[in-house]
N, C-alpha and C. Protein backbone atom coordinates (compact mmCIF):
# COMPACT_ATOMS: atom_id res chain seq x y z
N MET A 1 27.42 135.76 291.75
CA MET A 1 27.81 136.01 290.37
C MET A 1 27.34 137.36 289.97
N SER A 2 27.87 138.19 289.24
CA SER A 2 27.30 139.39 288.81
C SER A 2 26.35 139.19 287.58
N GLN A 3 25.45 140.09 287.52
CA GLN A 3 24.40 139.88 286.40
C GLN A 3 24.30 141.23 285.59
N ALA A 4 24.25 141.41 284.23
CA ALA A 4 24.02 142.56 283.77
C ALA A 4 23.25 142.36 282.29
N PRO A 5 22.42 143.47 282.09
CA PRO A 5 21.56 143.43 280.86
C PRO A 5 22.48 143.18 279.65
N ALA A 6 21.88 142.76 278.74
CA ALA A 6 22.90 142.60 277.36
C ALA A 6 23.37 144.00 277.02
N SER A 7 22.59 144.90 277.17
CA SER A 7 22.98 146.15 276.36
C SER A 7 24.15 147.05 277.17
N ILE A 8 24.33 146.45 278.65
CA ILE A 8 25.38 147.19 279.55
C ILE A 8 26.63 146.48 279.38
N PRO A 9 27.69 147.18 279.21
CA PRO A 9 29.00 146.37 278.83
C PRO A 9 29.40 145.71 280.48
N PHE A 10 29.86 144.40 280.31
CA PHE A 10 30.49 143.79 281.49
C PHE A 10 31.93 144.12 281.49
N LEU A 11 32.46 144.79 282.47
CA LEU A 11 33.84 145.24 282.44
C LEU A 11 34.52 144.73 283.89
N HIS A 12 35.65 143.92 283.56
CA HIS A 12 36.43 143.45 284.64
C HIS A 12 37.67 143.85 284.62
N PRO A 13 38.08 144.98 285.33
CA PRO A 13 39.06 145.85 285.28
C PRO A 13 40.45 145.21 285.54
N GLY A 14 41.69 145.47 284.89
CA GLY A 14 42.73 144.88 285.43
C GLY A 14 43.45 145.66 286.56
N ILE A 15 44.72 145.27 286.80
CA ILE A 15 45.19 146.04 287.96
C ILE A 15 46.54 146.62 287.42
N GLY A 16 46.66 146.95 286.22
CA GLY A 16 48.04 147.60 285.78
C GLY A 16 49.22 146.73 286.10
N SER A 17 49.34 145.42 285.93
CA SER A 17 50.08 144.57 286.18
C SER A 17 51.26 144.49 285.20
N GLY A 18 50.87 144.99 283.92
CA GLY A 18 51.83 144.91 282.88
C GLY A 18 51.79 143.54 282.33
N LYS A 19 51.12 142.48 282.81
CA LYS A 19 51.20 141.29 282.18
C LYS A 19 50.38 141.26 280.59
N SER A 20 51.22 140.37 279.96
CA SER A 20 50.55 140.12 278.63
C SER A 20 50.01 138.61 278.56
N LEU A 21 48.74 138.57 278.14
CA LEU A 21 48.19 137.35 277.92
C LEU A 21 47.80 137.05 276.43
N TYR A 22 48.46 135.88 276.05
CA TYR A 22 48.38 135.29 274.69
C TYR A 22 47.28 134.33 274.60
N LEU A 23 46.03 134.83 274.23
CA LEU A 23 44.82 133.82 274.07
C LEU A 23 45.02 133.10 272.81
N VAL A 24 45.09 131.89 272.99
CA VAL A 24 45.35 131.08 271.54
C VAL A 24 44.12 129.81 271.52
N ARG A 25 43.47 129.93 270.28
CA ARG A 25 42.31 128.97 270.10
C ARG A 25 43.04 127.75 269.61
N HIS A 26 42.55 126.63 270.01
CA HIS A 26 43.07 125.23 269.21
C HIS A 26 42.74 125.44 267.84
N ALA A 27 43.25 124.40 267.35
CA ALA A 27 43.59 124.16 265.96
C ALA A 27 42.17 123.39 265.46
N GLU A 28 42.22 123.16 263.86
CA GLU A 28 41.18 122.61 263.24
C GLU A 28 40.80 121.34 263.81
N VAL A 29 39.59 121.15 264.14
CA VAL A 29 39.16 119.66 264.51
C VAL A 29 38.65 118.75 263.37
N ARG A 30 38.65 117.57 263.74
CA ARG A 30 38.18 116.63 262.59
C ARG A 30 37.02 116.95 261.80
N GLU A 31 36.99 116.62 260.68
CA GLU A 31 36.06 117.07 259.61
C GLU A 31 34.62 116.78 260.20
N ASP A 32 34.28 115.67 260.90
CA ASP A 32 32.79 115.19 261.15
C ASP A 32 32.29 116.19 262.40
N TYR A 33 33.20 116.87 262.96
CA TYR A 33 32.73 117.94 263.92
C TYR A 33 32.66 119.12 263.57
N GLN A 34 33.17 119.43 262.28
CA GLN A 34 33.16 120.90 261.84
C GLN A 34 31.71 121.33 261.49
N GLY A 35 31.38 122.51 261.66
CA GLY A 35 30.00 122.93 261.58
C GLY A 35 28.99 122.49 262.48
N ARG A 36 29.27 121.80 263.77
CA ARG A 36 28.58 121.36 264.81
C ARG A 36 28.78 122.30 266.03
N ALA A 37 27.95 122.42 266.86
CA ALA A 37 28.01 123.07 268.01
C ALA A 37 28.52 122.12 269.35
N TYR A 38 29.88 121.86 268.99
CA TYR A 38 30.28 120.80 270.00
C TYR A 38 30.55 121.26 271.35
N GLY A 39 30.61 122.66 271.50
CA GLY A 39 30.80 123.12 273.08
C GLY A 39 32.01 122.39 273.72
N ASN A 40 31.60 121.79 274.85
CA ASN A 40 32.56 121.24 275.81
C ASN A 40 32.94 119.76 275.53
N LEU A 41 32.13 119.27 274.58
CA LEU A 41 32.61 117.64 274.15
C LEU A 41 34.00 117.66 273.75
N ASP A 42 34.50 116.75 274.27
CA ASP A 42 36.11 116.41 274.00
C ASP A 42 36.32 115.90 272.42
N VAL A 43 36.18 116.93 271.43
CA VAL A 43 36.41 116.42 270.17
C VAL A 43 37.93 116.37 269.73
N PRO A 44 38.28 115.64 268.68
CA PRO A 44 39.53 115.41 268.39
C PRO A 44 40.19 116.46 267.24
N LEU A 45 41.29 116.73 267.15
CA LEU A 45 41.93 117.41 266.10
C LEU A 45 41.93 116.66 264.66
N SER A 46 41.97 117.40 263.84
CA SER A 46 42.06 117.14 262.44
C SER A 46 43.80 116.68 262.19
N GLU A 47 43.94 116.10 261.18
CA GLU A 47 45.62 115.80 260.83
C GLU A 47 46.10 117.24 260.67
N GLU A 48 45.46 117.96 259.98
CA GLU A 48 45.82 119.44 259.78
C GLU A 48 46.07 120.21 260.93
N GLY A 49 44.95 119.92 262.02
CA GLY A 49 44.83 120.54 263.30
C GLY A 49 46.18 120.31 263.96
N GLU A 50 46.74 119.02 263.92
CA GLU A 50 47.87 118.70 264.63
C GLU A 50 49.02 119.26 264.15
N ARG A 51 49.16 119.56 262.84
CA ARG A 51 50.09 120.50 262.02
C ARG A 51 50.16 121.57 262.52
N GLU A 52 49.00 122.37 262.65
CA GLU A 52 48.67 123.58 263.00
C GLU A 52 49.24 123.83 264.43
N SER A 53 48.97 123.16 265.19
CA SER A 53 49.28 123.09 266.65
C SER A 53 50.66 122.97 266.99
N GLU A 54 51.48 122.30 266.05
CA GLU A 54 52.92 122.16 266.31
C GLU A 54 53.49 123.48 265.67
N ALA A 55 53.06 124.04 264.60
CA ALA A 55 53.60 125.41 264.13
C ALA A 55 53.23 126.25 265.17
N MET A 56 52.07 126.35 265.60
CA MET A 56 51.68 127.56 266.67
C MET A 56 52.58 127.43 267.96
N ALA A 57 52.83 126.13 268.18
CA ALA A 57 53.65 126.06 269.77
C ALA A 57 55.02 126.61 269.28
N GLU A 58 55.65 126.18 268.28
CA GLU A 58 56.95 126.97 267.92
C GLU A 58 56.90 128.28 268.09
N ARG A 59 55.75 128.92 267.48
CA ARG A 59 55.75 130.54 267.55
C ARG A 59 55.56 130.91 268.82
N LEU A 60 54.73 130.46 269.59
CA LEU A 60 54.49 130.61 270.95
C LEU A 60 55.92 130.75 271.78
N ALA A 61 56.60 129.67 271.77
CA ALA A 61 57.69 129.22 272.55
C ALA A 61 58.89 130.49 272.15
N ALA A 62 58.73 130.99 270.91
CA ALA A 62 59.78 131.88 270.60
C ALA A 62 59.53 133.30 271.16
N LEU A 63 58.38 133.38 271.67
CA LEU A 63 58.06 134.56 272.51
C LEU A 63 58.62 134.67 273.87
N GLY A 64 59.00 133.45 274.43
CA GLY A 64 59.62 133.18 275.81
C GLY A 64 58.47 133.46 276.82
N PRO A 65 57.26 132.66 276.81
CA PRO A 65 56.28 132.68 278.05
C PRO A 65 57.08 132.21 279.27
N ASP A 66 56.36 132.90 280.10
CA ASP A 66 56.93 132.62 281.54
C ASP A 66 55.94 131.37 281.90
N ARG A 67 54.56 131.33 281.63
CA ARG A 67 53.68 130.33 281.90
C ARG A 67 52.86 129.86 280.93
N VAL A 68 52.56 128.62 280.82
CA VAL A 68 51.46 128.34 279.60
C VAL A 68 50.34 127.45 280.45
N LEU A 69 49.25 127.92 280.23
CA LEU A 69 47.99 127.34 280.66
C LEU A 69 46.95 126.78 279.62
N SER A 70 46.27 125.89 279.91
CA SER A 70 45.39 125.02 279.00
C SER A 70 44.24 124.55 279.53
N SER A 71 43.24 124.53 278.75
CA SER A 71 42.05 123.73 279.04
C SER A 71 42.26 122.39 279.00
N PRO A 72 41.77 121.45 279.64
CA PRO A 72 41.99 120.20 279.66
C PRO A 72 41.47 119.22 278.42
N LEU A 73 40.66 119.84 277.51
CA LEU A 73 40.19 119.43 276.42
C LEU A 73 41.27 119.05 275.54
N ALA A 74 41.22 117.89 274.66
CA ALA A 74 42.37 117.34 274.15
C ALA A 74 42.70 118.40 272.98
N ARG A 75 41.82 119.03 272.26
CA ARG A 75 42.21 119.85 271.11
C ARG A 75 43.14 120.98 271.76
N ALA A 76 42.75 121.61 272.62
CA ALA A 76 43.36 122.87 273.37
C ALA A 76 44.72 122.08 274.05
N ARG A 77 44.76 121.19 274.76
CA ARG A 77 45.66 120.54 275.41
C ARG A 77 46.78 120.10 274.55
N HIS A 78 46.60 119.40 273.37
CA HIS A 78 47.56 119.19 272.43
C HIS A 78 48.50 120.15 272.14
N LEU A 79 47.93 121.60 272.02
CA LEU A 79 48.72 122.92 271.67
C LEU A 79 49.32 123.25 273.06
N GLY A 80 48.87 123.10 273.98
CA GLY A 80 49.17 123.70 275.47
C GLY A 80 50.50 122.87 275.72
N GLU A 81 50.43 121.49 275.59
CA GLU A 81 51.58 120.71 276.00
C GLU A 81 52.70 120.89 275.20
N ARG A 82 52.62 121.12 273.78
CA ARG A 82 53.76 121.26 272.96
C ARG A 82 54.22 122.86 273.11
N ALA A 83 53.68 123.81 273.25
CA ALA A 83 54.02 125.20 273.56
C ALA A 83 54.94 125.04 274.89
N ALA A 84 54.39 124.46 276.04
CA ALA A 84 55.04 124.32 277.34
C ALA A 84 56.39 123.51 277.10
N GLU A 85 56.30 122.58 276.37
CA GLU A 85 57.58 121.73 276.23
C GLU A 85 58.75 122.61 275.42
N ARG A 86 58.09 123.26 274.47
CA ARG A 86 59.12 123.89 273.77
C ARG A 86 59.76 125.17 274.45
N ALA A 87 58.79 125.75 275.27
CA ALA A 87 59.07 127.01 275.98
C ALA A 87 60.02 126.53 277.29
N GLY A 88 59.95 125.20 277.80
CA GLY A 88 60.92 124.77 278.87
C GLY A 88 60.04 125.16 280.11
N VAL A 89 58.79 125.09 280.21
CA VAL A 89 57.80 125.50 281.32
C VAL A 89 56.85 124.30 281.50
N PRO A 90 56.29 124.30 282.88
CA PRO A 90 55.50 123.11 283.06
C PRO A 90 54.07 123.78 282.40
N LEU A 91 53.31 122.76 282.15
CA LEU A 91 51.81 122.91 281.53
C LEU A 91 50.96 122.84 282.88
N GLU A 92 50.19 124.02 282.83
CA GLU A 92 49.21 124.07 283.96
C GLU A 92 47.76 124.12 283.35
N LEU A 93 47.16 122.94 283.73
CA LEU A 93 45.64 122.62 283.21
C LEU A 93 45.00 123.50 284.08
N GLU A 94 43.83 124.11 283.35
CA GLU A 94 42.71 124.77 284.31
C GLU A 94 41.44 124.42 283.59
N ALA A 95 40.69 123.82 284.40
CA ALA A 95 39.34 123.43 284.01
C ALA A 95 38.40 124.60 283.81
N ASP A 96 38.83 125.65 284.12
CA ASP A 96 38.09 126.91 284.07
C ASP A 96 38.14 127.49 282.74
N LEU A 97 39.02 127.09 281.82
CA LEU A 97 39.45 127.36 280.59
C LEU A 97 38.72 126.49 279.53
N THR A 98 38.04 125.49 280.05
CA THR A 98 37.17 124.70 279.05
C THR A 98 35.96 125.53 278.33
N GLU A 99 35.91 125.07 277.17
CA GLU A 99 34.84 125.72 276.30
C GLU A 99 33.24 125.55 276.96
N ILE A 100 32.58 126.68 276.59
CA ILE A 100 31.33 126.87 277.06
C ILE A 100 30.25 125.48 276.81
N HIS A 101 29.52 125.03 277.84
CA HIS A 101 28.50 123.93 277.70
C HIS A 101 27.34 124.43 276.84
N ARG A 102 27.10 123.66 275.96
CA ARG A 102 26.14 124.09 275.05
C ARG A 102 24.61 123.32 275.21
N GLY A 103 24.45 122.58 276.21
CA GLY A 103 23.48 121.89 276.62
C GLY A 103 22.83 120.88 275.65
N SER A 104 21.55 121.03 275.19
CA SER A 104 21.01 120.35 274.42
C SER A 104 21.42 120.51 272.96
N TRP A 105 22.15 121.63 272.71
CA TRP A 105 22.73 122.05 271.18
C TRP A 105 23.92 121.20 271.12
N GLN A 106 24.61 120.39 271.98
CA GLN A 106 25.96 120.11 271.76
C GLN A 106 26.02 119.01 270.70
N GLY A 107 26.75 119.04 269.94
CA GLY A 107 26.86 117.99 269.04
C GLY A 107 26.18 118.03 267.67
N ARG A 108 25.21 118.95 267.60
CA ARG A 108 24.30 119.22 266.57
C ARG A 108 24.82 120.16 265.56
N ARG A 109 24.40 120.08 264.22
CA ARG A 109 24.98 120.97 263.22
C ARG A 109 24.03 122.43 263.42
N VAL A 110 24.99 123.49 263.25
CA VAL A 110 24.46 125.00 263.55
C VAL A 110 23.36 125.05 262.45
N SER A 111 23.62 124.45 261.22
CA SER A 111 22.71 124.84 260.37
C SER A 111 21.16 124.22 260.58
N GLU A 112 21.21 123.00 261.40
CA GLU A 112 20.06 122.34 261.63
C GLU A 112 19.31 123.04 263.02
N LEU A 113 20.17 123.68 263.78
CA LEU A 113 19.53 124.29 264.80
C LEU A 113 18.81 125.83 264.28
N SER A 114 19.47 126.29 263.21
CA SER A 114 18.79 127.65 262.75
C SER A 114 17.49 127.26 262.01
N LEU A 115 17.47 126.11 261.54
CA LEU A 115 15.99 125.64 260.97
C LEU A 115 15.15 125.15 261.88
N GLU A 116 15.44 124.29 263.13
CA GLU A 116 14.50 123.54 263.96
C GLU A 116 14.03 124.63 265.10
N VAL A 117 15.11 125.32 265.63
CA VAL A 117 14.93 126.30 266.84
C VAL A 117 15.24 127.44 266.49
N PRO A 118 14.82 128.29 265.37
CA PRO A 118 15.30 129.56 265.17
C PRO A 118 15.00 130.50 266.16
N GLU A 119 13.77 130.45 267.02
CA GLU A 119 13.54 131.36 268.13
C GLU A 119 14.50 131.34 269.11
N GLN A 120 14.99 130.01 269.31
CA GLN A 120 15.96 129.88 270.43
C GLN A 120 17.57 130.53 269.85
N VAL A 121 18.02 130.36 268.80
CA VAL A 121 19.08 130.80 268.15
C VAL A 121 19.12 132.59 268.04
N GLU A 122 17.81 133.02 267.85
CA GLU A 122 17.90 134.38 267.86
C GLU A 122 17.97 134.97 269.19
N ARG A 123 17.27 134.47 270.17
CA ARG A 123 17.42 134.93 271.60
C ARG A 123 18.87 134.74 271.94
N PHE A 124 19.39 133.74 271.76
CA PHE A 124 20.84 133.48 271.99
C PHE A 124 21.67 134.59 271.54
N TYR A 125 21.74 134.88 270.26
CA TYR A 125 22.62 136.03 269.75
C TYR A 125 22.12 137.31 270.01
N ALA A 126 20.90 137.51 270.56
CA ALA A 126 20.27 138.83 271.25
C ALA A 126 20.73 139.10 272.73
N ASP A 127 20.91 138.03 273.46
CA ASP A 127 21.24 138.18 274.78
C ASP A 127 22.07 136.93 275.24
N PRO A 128 23.40 136.84 274.61
CA PRO A 128 24.12 135.51 275.24
C PRO A 128 24.48 135.77 276.85
N TRP A 129 24.39 136.83 277.34
CA TRP A 129 24.80 136.97 278.67
C TRP A 129 23.80 136.09 279.57
N THR A 130 22.65 135.99 279.38
CA THR A 130 21.71 135.21 280.05
C THR A 130 21.13 134.11 279.53
N PHE A 131 21.19 133.96 278.21
CA PHE A 131 20.59 132.79 277.44
C PHE A 131 20.88 131.41 277.83
N LYS A 132 19.79 130.60 278.43
CA LYS A 132 19.97 129.30 278.90
C LYS A 132 19.05 128.39 278.46
N ASP A 133 18.25 128.59 277.52
CA ASP A 133 17.05 127.86 276.87
C ASP A 133 17.76 126.54 276.51
N HIS A 134 18.83 126.39 276.16
CA HIS A 134 19.14 124.93 275.71
C HIS A 134 19.76 124.17 277.10
N GLY A 135 19.79 124.85 278.15
CA GLY A 135 19.97 123.96 279.29
C GLY A 135 21.49 123.66 279.55
N GLY A 136 22.44 124.85 278.76
CA GLY A 136 23.84 124.77 279.14
C GLY A 136 24.09 126.10 279.74
N GLU A 137 25.37 126.50 279.49
CA GLU A 137 25.74 127.59 280.22
C GLU A 137 25.85 129.07 279.43
N CYS A 138 25.61 130.12 280.16
CA CYS A 138 25.31 131.35 279.49
C CYS A 138 26.59 132.10 279.76
N ASP A 139 26.73 133.23 278.80
CA ASP A 139 27.84 134.02 278.93
C ASP A 139 28.50 134.41 280.41
N ALA A 140 27.12 134.70 281.26
CA ALA A 140 27.60 135.27 282.53
C ALA A 140 28.33 134.14 283.43
N GLU A 141 27.91 132.84 283.15
CA GLU A 141 28.55 131.83 283.95
C GLU A 141 30.02 131.58 283.43
N LEU A 142 30.14 131.66 282.10
CA LEU A 142 31.29 131.20 281.56
C LEU A 142 32.30 132.49 281.79
N SER A 143 31.97 133.80 281.91
CA SER A 143 32.76 134.75 282.11
C SER A 143 33.34 134.64 283.74
N GLU A 144 32.23 134.35 284.56
CA GLU A 144 32.60 134.23 285.94
C GLU A 144 33.87 133.23 286.00
N ARG A 145 33.83 131.98 285.29
CA ARG A 145 34.78 131.02 285.63
C ARG A 145 36.23 131.55 284.84
N VAL A 146 36.00 132.16 283.96
CA VAL A 146 37.27 132.42 283.16
C VAL A 146 37.82 133.64 283.81
N PHE A 147 37.33 134.49 284.30
CA PHE A 147 37.94 135.82 285.16
C PHE A 147 38.58 135.28 286.53
N ARG A 148 37.99 134.05 287.03
CA ARG A 148 38.59 133.41 288.09
C ARG A 148 40.14 133.02 287.68
N VAL A 149 40.37 132.48 286.57
CA VAL A 149 41.50 132.17 286.03
C VAL A 149 42.48 133.32 285.93
N VAL A 150 41.96 134.62 285.28
CA VAL A 150 42.47 135.77 284.89
C VAL A 150 43.22 136.38 286.21
N ASP A 151 42.20 136.45 287.30
CA ASP A 151 42.55 137.10 288.52
C ASP A 151 43.59 136.27 289.25
N ARG A 152 43.76 135.02 288.98
CA ARG A 152 44.98 134.13 289.70
C ARG A 152 46.21 134.45 288.71
N ILE A 153 45.98 134.85 287.65
CA ILE A 153 47.13 135.02 286.77
C ILE A 153 47.65 136.32 286.97
N LEU A 154 46.76 137.42 287.34
CA LEU A 154 47.46 138.83 287.78
C LEU A 154 48.00 138.88 288.97
N ASP A 155 47.46 137.82 290.06
CA ASP A 155 48.01 137.73 291.20
C ASP A 155 49.46 136.74 291.27
N GLY A 156 49.62 136.45 290.32
CA GLY A 156 50.63 135.21 290.15
C GLY A 156 52.05 135.50 289.63
N PRO A 157 52.85 134.51 289.29
CA PRO A 157 54.14 135.09 288.78
C PRO A 157 53.88 135.00 287.23
N GLY A 158 54.95 135.61 286.69
CA GLY A 158 55.25 135.77 285.08
C GLY A 158 54.74 136.89 284.58
N GLU A 159 55.22 137.23 283.65
CA GLU A 159 55.04 138.39 282.79
C GLU A 159 54.20 138.05 281.37
N ARG A 160 54.52 137.02 280.83
CA ARG A 160 54.03 136.60 279.45
C ARG A 160 53.27 135.35 279.68
N ILE A 161 52.11 135.28 279.54
CA ILE A 161 51.24 134.16 279.80
C ILE A 161 50.53 133.57 278.57
N VAL A 162 50.65 132.35 278.07
CA VAL A 162 50.01 131.71 277.09
C VAL A 162 48.64 130.93 277.79
N LEU A 163 47.54 131.19 277.21
CA LEU A 163 46.29 130.30 277.55
C LEU A 163 45.84 129.86 276.04
N ALA A 164 46.10 128.27 276.06
CA ALA A 164 45.63 127.60 275.01
C ALA A 164 44.27 127.14 275.35
N THR A 165 43.25 127.56 274.55
CA THR A 165 41.87 127.47 275.05
C THR A 165 40.86 127.45 273.68
N HIS A 166 39.67 127.98 273.67
CA HIS A 166 38.63 127.90 272.93
C HIS A 166 38.24 129.36 272.51
N TYR A 167 37.23 129.34 271.43
CA TYR A 167 36.61 130.71 270.92
C TYR A 167 35.89 131.41 271.99
N ASN A 168 34.96 130.71 272.55
CA ASN A 168 34.15 131.45 273.38
C ASN A 168 34.53 131.80 274.66
N VAL A 169 35.85 131.04 275.15
CA VAL A 169 36.44 131.43 276.29
C VAL A 169 37.11 132.81 275.86
N ILE A 170 37.79 132.94 274.92
CA ILE A 170 38.49 134.08 274.35
C ILE A 170 37.48 135.19 274.10
N ARG A 171 36.45 134.94 273.56
CA ARG A 171 35.54 136.16 273.37
C ARG A 171 34.96 136.71 274.46
N VAL A 172 34.47 135.94 275.59
CA VAL A 172 34.19 136.65 276.87
C VAL A 172 35.38 137.27 277.59
N LEU A 173 36.32 136.59 277.59
CA LEU A 173 37.61 137.30 278.23
C LEU A 173 37.82 138.81 277.79
N VAL A 174 37.88 138.94 276.38
CA VAL A 174 38.33 139.97 275.62
C VAL A 174 36.96 141.02 275.81
N ALA A 175 35.94 140.49 275.58
CA ALA A 175 34.69 141.31 276.04
C ALA A 175 34.51 141.81 277.53
N GLY A 176 35.02 140.88 278.38
CA GLY A 176 34.97 141.44 280.10
C GLY A 176 36.15 142.57 280.14
N ALA A 177 37.25 142.29 279.58
CA ALA A 177 38.35 143.26 279.42
C ALA A 177 38.09 144.52 278.89
N LEU A 178 37.47 144.44 277.88
CA LEU A 178 37.11 146.02 277.27
C LEU A 178 36.00 146.51 277.38
N GLY A 179 35.01 145.75 278.12
CA GLY A 179 33.71 146.38 278.64
C GLY A 179 32.79 146.21 277.35
N LEU A 180 33.07 145.23 276.65
CA LEU A 180 32.13 145.23 275.29
C LEU A 180 30.61 144.45 275.65
N PRO A 181 29.45 145.07 275.06
CA PRO A 181 28.46 144.38 275.46
C PRO A 181 28.24 143.01 274.67
N ALA A 182 27.63 141.95 275.42
CA ALA A 182 27.77 140.60 275.31
C ALA A 182 27.43 140.17 273.52
N PRO A 183 26.32 140.96 273.14
CA PRO A 183 26.14 140.58 271.76
C PRO A 183 27.11 141.41 270.69
N THR A 184 27.81 142.15 271.22
CA THR A 184 28.84 142.75 270.34
C THR A 184 29.97 142.00 270.52
N SER A 185 30.07 141.10 271.27
CA SER A 185 31.47 140.33 271.35
C SER A 185 31.65 139.27 270.25
N PHE A 186 30.31 138.89 269.51
CA PHE A 186 30.44 138.08 268.32
C PHE A 186 31.21 138.70 267.21
N ALA A 187 31.42 140.07 267.34
CA ALA A 187 32.28 140.98 266.46
C ALA A 187 33.73 140.17 266.18
N LEU A 188 34.14 139.83 267.50
CA LEU A 188 35.63 139.26 267.64
C LEU A 188 35.66 138.09 267.05
N ARG A 189 36.72 138.20 266.10
CA ARG A 189 37.03 136.91 265.20
C ARG A 189 38.24 136.27 265.86
N ILE A 190 38.31 135.01 265.98
CA ILE A 190 39.39 134.19 266.26
C ILE A 190 39.22 132.75 265.68
N ASP A 191 39.72 132.86 264.47
CA ASP A 191 39.69 131.52 263.88
C ASP A 191 40.80 130.14 264.49
N PRO A 192 40.60 128.88 264.15
CA PRO A 192 41.30 127.99 264.65
C PRO A 192 42.74 128.28 264.30
N ALA A 193 43.53 127.91 265.44
CA ALA A 193 45.04 128.34 265.53
C ALA A 193 45.33 129.58 265.20
N ARG A 194 44.60 130.44 265.95
CA ARG A 194 44.89 131.99 265.79
C ARG A 194 44.93 132.57 267.03
N SER A 195 45.50 133.65 267.38
CA SER A 195 45.85 134.10 268.67
C SER A 195 45.37 135.71 268.95
N ALA A 196 45.00 135.92 270.05
CA ALA A 196 44.87 137.44 270.49
C ALA A 196 45.66 137.69 271.63
N LEU A 197 46.02 139.08 271.79
CA LEU A 197 46.88 139.38 272.78
C LEU A 197 46.14 140.53 273.65
N VAL A 198 46.01 140.24 275.02
CA VAL A 198 45.48 141.48 275.90
C VAL A 198 46.50 141.82 276.97
N VAL A 199 46.52 142.91 277.01
CA VAL A 199 47.84 143.42 277.99
C VAL A 199 47.18 144.43 279.12
N ASP A 200 47.46 144.22 280.43
CA ASP A 200 46.89 144.77 281.58
C ASP A 200 47.95 146.08 281.85
N ARG A 201 47.66 146.99 281.24
CA ARG A 201 48.35 148.15 281.29
C ARG A 201 47.90 149.11 282.47
N ASP A 202 48.56 150.25 282.58
CA ASP A 202 48.19 151.10 283.93
C ASP A 202 47.04 151.73 283.68
N ASP A 203 46.56 152.04 282.20
CA ASP A 203 45.31 152.59 281.83
C ASP A 203 44.12 151.70 281.56
N GLY A 204 44.37 150.49 281.88
CA GLY A 204 43.43 149.40 281.57
C GLY A 204 43.91 148.26 280.48
N TRP A 205 42.87 147.47 280.27
CA TRP A 205 43.10 146.37 279.30
C TRP A 205 43.34 146.90 277.95
N HIS A 206 44.27 146.34 277.10
CA HIS A 206 44.44 146.94 275.73
C HIS A 206 44.41 145.35 274.86
N LEU A 207 43.61 145.50 273.96
CA LEU A 207 43.85 144.36 272.80
C LEU A 207 44.82 144.73 271.99
N ALA A 208 45.99 144.28 271.98
CA ALA A 208 47.13 144.33 271.00
C ALA A 208 47.00 144.00 269.81
N PHE A 209 46.68 142.84 269.61
CA PHE A 209 46.02 142.28 268.39
C PHE A 209 45.07 141.12 268.42
N SER A 210 44.49 140.79 267.17
CA SER A 210 43.60 139.70 267.35
C SER A 210 43.75 138.84 265.98
N ASN A 211 43.47 137.58 266.12
CA ASN A 211 43.30 136.72 264.96
C ASN A 211 44.45 136.65 264.13
N LEU A 212 45.74 136.59 265.07
CA LEU A 212 47.03 136.44 264.23
C LEU A 212 47.51 134.86 264.16
N ASP A 213 48.11 134.38 263.17
CA ASP A 213 48.52 133.05 263.21
C ASP A 213 49.88 133.31 263.63
N ARG A 214 50.67 134.41 263.79
CA ARG A 214 51.85 134.44 264.30
C ARG A 214 51.97 135.47 265.32
N PRO A 215 51.78 135.13 266.46
CA PRO A 215 51.61 135.94 267.43
C PRO A 215 53.20 136.79 267.73
N ARG A 216 52.88 137.91 268.13
CA ARG A 216 54.16 138.76 268.43
C ARG A 216 54.12 139.53 269.70
N PRO A 217 55.24 140.29 270.17
CA PRO A 217 55.28 140.78 271.41
C PRO A 217 54.53 141.87 271.64
N ASP A 218 54.09 142.67 272.67
CA ASP A 218 53.28 143.53 272.93
C ASP A 218 53.87 144.69 272.44
N PRO A 219 53.50 145.46 271.21
CA PRO A 219 54.07 146.59 270.86
C PRO A 219 54.17 148.04 271.67
N GLY A 220 53.45 147.74 272.83
CA GLY A 220 53.38 149.03 273.52
C GLY A 220 52.42 150.14 273.33
N PRO A 221 52.12 151.10 274.14
CA PRO A 221 51.11 152.11 273.78
C PRO A 221 51.42 152.86 272.42
N SER A 222 50.52 153.30 271.87
CA SER A 222 50.82 153.95 270.49
C SER A 222 51.05 155.69 271.05
N HIS A 223 51.78 156.22 270.34
CA HIS A 223 51.71 157.59 270.48
C HIS A 223 51.46 158.51 269.39
């Protein structure tokens, strides 16, 4: 596994395949889990989250995806199953698209962590690439498994691929594609039931859009 100081961008170059990767975050989770660092716990969607998933699945299917991959966690799989069914393609479950493991932080309220372990929280945001004080995964480990999936996609069939997954998976994927320093990656906003599009063009990865509830085709290079 490669290592890099937090200040140095981690760049995972593409291969100029022309493939479009639609990165879609799962919808709203149940209220009793909101505001918690639930990590890779298998938490359920709220009723609104189920409705959001249905709407997003319709929009994704309208794009004509060739493949739909999903995290096996129920909140992402719910979206993946419906998008795949509407697009008429099989759902591909990918364990490597599971959300980051938060160790001892899992299930705890974010507001409580900021009060009880402020030094840990500060170190995490300063260097998420190597931070493991909570006993969970760091960004370096998450990035390694996420880009295993990306490499398989670039080597495989299909031009338009949907990934139904989680915030931190999307965050490290975009950071690795664009070469963003790990702390800077937190500036990427992907709300529940929102999407980003990264495209593997001849001159490298491009972020075509981010945080959209209505994903659209790649507009192509600007002139």
